Amino acid sequence: MSEHDVDSQPAGRPTQFTYPPAVPLTADMFLAAPFMQGQDMQPSCLRMNVPAYRVSLLGMIVLSQDGAAILDDGTGSVPLRGLSFEPKVGDILNVIGRPREFGARHCSVEIMKVLGDARWIKVHRAKAQLLRMRPGEAPPPEPAQVIPDEVREAASVPPESLDMGEAVLAAIRKLDKGEGASLTDVVAAAVGADHSSTKAAEAEQAVTDLTNAGEIFELAPGRLKVLE
């Protein structure tokens, strides 16, 4: 029987023989939701607006070893187990799996795919945000961006005089006081006065490209450092 055949069965509570749809969640939602242990042939789930028997998570791999990994999407870090292959640190990974709570909460992975663009993390967050809202509730407005003085100073070299990769490197070197530079501050400094979503996306892509090229690395989740 194919997954398509299983999904065409009458709606009802999932059993071990059905494939419930994967609910898109951010890491903080996955970690904070009440865990409901499965009973009487019913699988375990997270109690949300809709029960999350299977979840979809998307973020960057910050640790990968011995068939397990940790995925970070900027809201938190989720342990992954049961991987079909070992992802590399820095990979942008989308996983579908089931919530488990043996010892510590983790995601037992069923499907995993490496994506090439960190901007998918924002898309995934937007999908997950819909689950936070009550029916008929409007999405919250985006908060106004407040740029600290040190970030403004780091942007003193006009970004238009540099390509985006050079602007990102210059911002990290300027902002790093020994503990790495905040990704948010680096992007703000690299784009300078142009705070459009397009420029921000270019800066984020430059961060991904520089990470993949080995020119920068994450000292900690969201903290960037130049590899000198």
Protein backbone atom coordinates (compact mmCIF):
# COMPACT_ATOMS: atom_id res chain seq x y z
CA MET A 1 0.00 0.00 0.00
CA SER A 2 1.46 3.40 -0.94
CA GLU A 3 1.52 6.49 1.25
CA HIS A 4 -1.01 8.03 -1.14
CA ASP A 5 -3.36 5.10 -0.54
CA VAL A 6 -2.96 5.42 3.22
CA ASP A 7 -3.67 9.17 3.19
CA SER A 8 -6.91 8.56 1.24
CA GLN A 9 -8.43 6.63 4.13
CA PRO A 10 -11.27 8.26 6.11
CA ALA A 11 -10.12 10.95 8.53
CA GLY A 12 -9.63 10.00 12.15
CA ARG A 13 -7.03 9.73 14.81
CA PRO A 14 -3.80 8.35 13.33
CA THR A 15 -2.74 4.82 14.17
CA GLN A 16 0.54 3.06 13.50
CA PHE A 17 -0.74 2.25 9.98
CA THR A 18 -1.52 5.83 8.88
CA TYR A 19 0.68 8.72 7.77
CA PRO A 20 -0.61 11.93 9.39
CA PRO A 21 0.53 15.16 7.72
CA ALA A 22 3.69 16.81 9.06
CA VAL A 23 2.98 19.98 11.05
CA PRO A 24 5.52 22.80 10.42
CA LEU A 25 7.03 23.92 13.74
CA THR A 26 9.88 26.12 14.87
CA ALA A 27 12.33 24.68 17.39
CA ASP A 28 10.87 26.63 20.30
CA MET A 29 7.37 25.38 19.48
CA PHE A 30 8.65 21.80 19.25
CA LEU A 31 10.40 22.03 22.61
CA ALA A 32 7.65 23.91 24.50
CA ALA A 33 4.51 22.02 23.39
CA PRO A 34 3.07 19.49 25.86
CA PHE A 35 4.08 15.92 24.95
CA MET A 36 1.26 13.35 24.87
CA GLN A 37 2.47 9.78 25.27
CA GLY A 38 0.76 7.37 22.86
CA GLN A 39 -1.68 4.81 24.24
CA ASP A 40 -3.96 2.07 22.88
CA MET A 41 -2.30 1.90 19.44
CA GLN A 42 -2.32 5.69 19.11
CA PRO A 43 1.10 7.31 18.46
CA SER A 44 2.63 9.99 20.65
CA CYS A 45 2.10 13.61 19.65
CA LEU A 46 2.64 17.22 20.63
CA ARG A 47 -0.52 18.99 21.81
CA MET A 48 -0.95 22.08 19.62
CA ASN A 49 -3.93 23.79 17.96
CA VAL A 50 -3.85 20.57 15.94
CA PRO A 51 -2.18 17.39 17.29
CA ALA A 52 1.33 17.11 15.85
CA TYR A 53 1.92 13.39 15.34
CA ARG A 54 4.54 14.19 12.71
CA VAL A 55 6.49 17.45 12.50
CA SER A 56 8.46 19.38 9.91
CA LEU A 57 11.54 21.25 11.14
CA LEU A 58 13.97 23.39 9.16
CA GLY A 59 17.21 24.98 10.28
CA MET A 60 21.00 24.83 10.28
CA ILE A 61 22.99 21.83 11.50
CA VAL A 62 25.27 22.99 14.33
CA LEU A 63 26.46 19.53 15.45
CA SER A 64 26.63 16.22 13.59
CA GLN A 65 28.24 13.03 14.84
CA ASP A 66 27.59 9.32 15.39
CA GLY A 67 24.29 9.23 13.47
CA ALA A 68 22.75 12.12 15.41
CA ALA A 69 22.68 15.87 14.92
CA ILE A 70 21.41 19.13 16.38
CA LEU A 71 19.31 21.49 14.26
CA ASP A 72 19.08 25.21 15.12
CA ASP A 73 16.62 27.62 13.48
CA GLY A 74 17.34 30.69 15.59
CA THR A 75 14.51 29.98 18.06
CA GLY A 76 16.11 26.93 19.67
CA SER A 77 17.99 23.69 19.06
CA VAL A 78 16.40 20.29 18.44
CA PRO A 79 18.26 16.97 18.71
CA LEU A 80 17.76 14.72 15.66
CA ARG A 81 18.06 10.94 15.76
CA GLY A 82 17.63 8.13 13.25
CA LEU A 83 19.33 10.00 10.39
CA SER A 84 19.55 8.29 6.98
CA PHE A 85 22.85 10.10 6.31
CA GLU A 86 25.20 12.32 8.30
CA PRO A 87 24.71 16.00 7.43
CA LYS A 88 27.57 18.48 7.60
CA VAL A 89 27.76 21.32 10.11
CA GLY A 90 26.38 24.39 8.34
CA ASP A 91 23.91 22.43 6.17
CA ILE A 92 20.41 23.88 5.91
CA LEU A 93 18.29 20.82 6.60
CA ASN A 94 14.55 20.13 6.37
CA VAL A 95 13.43 17.07 8.31
CA ILE A 96 10.11 15.32 8.80
CA GLY A 97 9.81 13.03 11.76
CA ARG A 98 8.01 12.13 14.94
CA PRO A 99 8.40 13.74 18.38
CA ARG A 100 9.95 11.44 20.97
CA GLU A 101 10.79 11.90 24.61
CA PHE A 102 13.12 9.07 25.63
CA GLY A 103 15.41 10.75 28.15
CA ALA A 104 15.22 14.12 26.36
CA ARG A 105 12.86 15.42 23.72
CA HIS A 106 14.08 14.84 20.18
CA CYS A 107 12.83 14.28 16.64
CA SER A 108 13.00 10.76 15.24
CA VAL A 109 13.69 11.52 11.58
CA GLU A 110 11.80 9.82 8.76
CA ILE A 111 12.68 12.12 5.84
CA MET A 112 15.57 14.57 5.52
CA LYS A 113 16.68 16.91 2.75
CA VAL A 114 19.55 19.38 2.46
CA LEU A 115 18.48 22.77 1.08
CA GLY A 116 20.80 25.26 -0.58
CA ASP A 117 19.40 28.52 0.71
CA ALA A 118 19.14 29.72 4.32
CA ARG A 119 16.15 31.89 3.35
CA TRP A 120 13.98 28.76 3.51
CA ILE A 121 14.26 29.07 7.31
CA LYS A 122 12.24 32.31 7.18
CA VAL A 123 9.65 30.71 4.90
CA HIS A 124 9.31 27.82 7.32
CA ARG A 125 8.94 30.18 10.29
CA ALA A 126 6.11 31.99 8.49
CA LYS A 127 4.27 28.69 8.00
CA ALA A 128 4.77 27.77 11.64
CA GLN A 129 3.54 31.19 12.76
CA LEU A 130 0.10 30.39 11.35
CA LEU A 131 -0.16 27.54 13.83
CA ARG A 132 0.45 29.91 16.76
CA MET A 133 -2.58 32.01 15.82
CA ARG A 134 -6.18 31.36 16.68
CA PRO A 135 -8.63 30.95 13.78
CA GLY A 136 -9.36 34.37 12.24
CA GLU A 137 -6.48 36.08 14.05
CA ALA A 138 -4.23 38.31 11.96
CA PRO A 139 -0.45 37.79 11.93
CA PRO A 140 1.42 40.12 14.32
CA PRO A 141 3.15 43.11 12.70
CA GLU A 142 6.89 42.91 12.24
CA PRO A 143 8.70 44.82 15.01
CA ALA A 144 10.51 47.99 13.98
CA GLN A 145 14.20 47.38 13.45
CA VAL A 146 16.39 49.14 16.02
CA ILE A 147 20.02 49.36 14.95
CA PRO A 148 22.55 49.66 17.80
CA ASP A 149 25.24 52.35 17.58
CA GLU A 150 28.03 49.80 17.17
CA VAL A 151 26.23 48.28 14.19
CA ARG A 152 25.88 51.72 12.61
CA GLU A 153 29.60 52.23 13.17
CA ALA A 154 30.39 48.88 11.55
CA ALA A 155 28.44 50.05 8.51
CA SER A 156 30.55 53.21 8.20
CA VAL A 157 32.23 51.79 5.08
CA PRO A 158 29.59 52.27 2.37
CA PRO A 159 28.37 48.73 1.49
CA GLU A 160 27.85 49.83 -2.11
CA SER A 161 31.65 50.21 -2.38
CA LEU A 162 32.06 46.51 -1.49
CA ASP A 163 30.49 43.34 -2.80
CA MET A 164 28.19 41.70 -0.26
CA GLY A 165 30.71 39.03 0.76
CA GLU A 166 33.34 41.68 1.54
CA ALA A 167 30.76 43.76 3.41
CA VAL A 168 29.83 40.76 5.57
CA LEU A 169 33.49 40.00 6.34
CA ALA A 170 34.15 43.65 7.21
CA ALA A 171 31.09 43.74 9.50
CA ILE A 172 32.12 40.56 11.35
CA ARG A 173 35.66 41.85 11.90
CA LYS A 174 34.31 45.16 13.19
CA LEU A 175 31.66 43.69 15.50
CA ASP A 176 33.55 40.66 16.84
CA LYS A 177 34.88 41.51 20.31
CA GLY A 178 36.13 37.96 20.92
CA GLU A 179 32.86 36.05 21.26
CA GLY A 180 31.78 36.25 17.64
CA ALA A 181 29.45 38.74 15.95
CA SER A 182 25.66 38.45 16.06
CA LEU A 183 24.21 37.31 12.72
CA THR A 184 21.44 39.92 13.01
CA ASP A 185 23.95 42.72 13.60
CA VAL A 186 26.21 41.51 10.79
CA VAL A 187 23.34 41.57 8.29
CA ALA A 188 22.24 45.04 9.45
CA ALA A 189 25.80 46.39 9.15
CA ALA A 190 26.43 44.75 5.76
CA VAL A 191 23.34 46.25 4.13
CA GLY A 192 24.01 49.73 5.54
CA ALA A 193 21.22 52.24 4.94
CA ASP A 194 19.32 49.91 2.58
CA HIS A 195 17.24 47.76 4.95
CA SER A 196 15.11 46.21 2.23
CA SER A 197 14.27 42.51 2.47
CA THR A 198 16.14 41.97 -0.82
CA LYS A 199 19.40 43.37 0.56
CA ALA A 200 18.98 41.46 3.81
CA ALA A 201 18.46 38.24 1.84
CA GLU A 202 21.64 38.98 -0.15
CA ALA A 203 23.58 39.44 3.08
CA GLU A 204 22.21 36.20 4.56
CA GLN A 205 23.11 34.36 1.36
CA ALA A 206 26.62 35.82 1.56
CA VAL A 207 26.90 34.47 5.12
CA THR A 208 25.89 31.02 3.87
CA ASP A 209 28.35 31.18 0.96
CA LEU A 210 31.22 32.32 3.19
CA THR A 211 30.42 29.55 5.69
CA ASN A 212 30.40 26.93 2.94
CA ALA A 213 33.69 28.34 1.59
CA GLY A 214 35.28 28.03 5.04
CA GLU A 215 36.00 31.75 5.39
CA ILE A 216 33.73 32.18 8.41
CA PHE A 217 32.22 29.82 10.96
CA GLU A 218 29.66 29.80 13.77
CA LEU A 219 31.41 30.08 17.12
CA ALA A 220 27.99 29.42 18.64
CA PRO A 221 24.49 29.40 17.10
CA GLY A 222 23.98 32.84 15.56
CA ARG A 223 27.53 34.05 16.45
CA LEU A 224 29.86 34.47 13.44
CA LYS A 225 33.63 34.61 13.39
CA VAL A 226 36.16 35.05 10.56
CA LEU A 227 38.56 32.14 10.12
CA GLU A 228 41.91 33.98 10.13
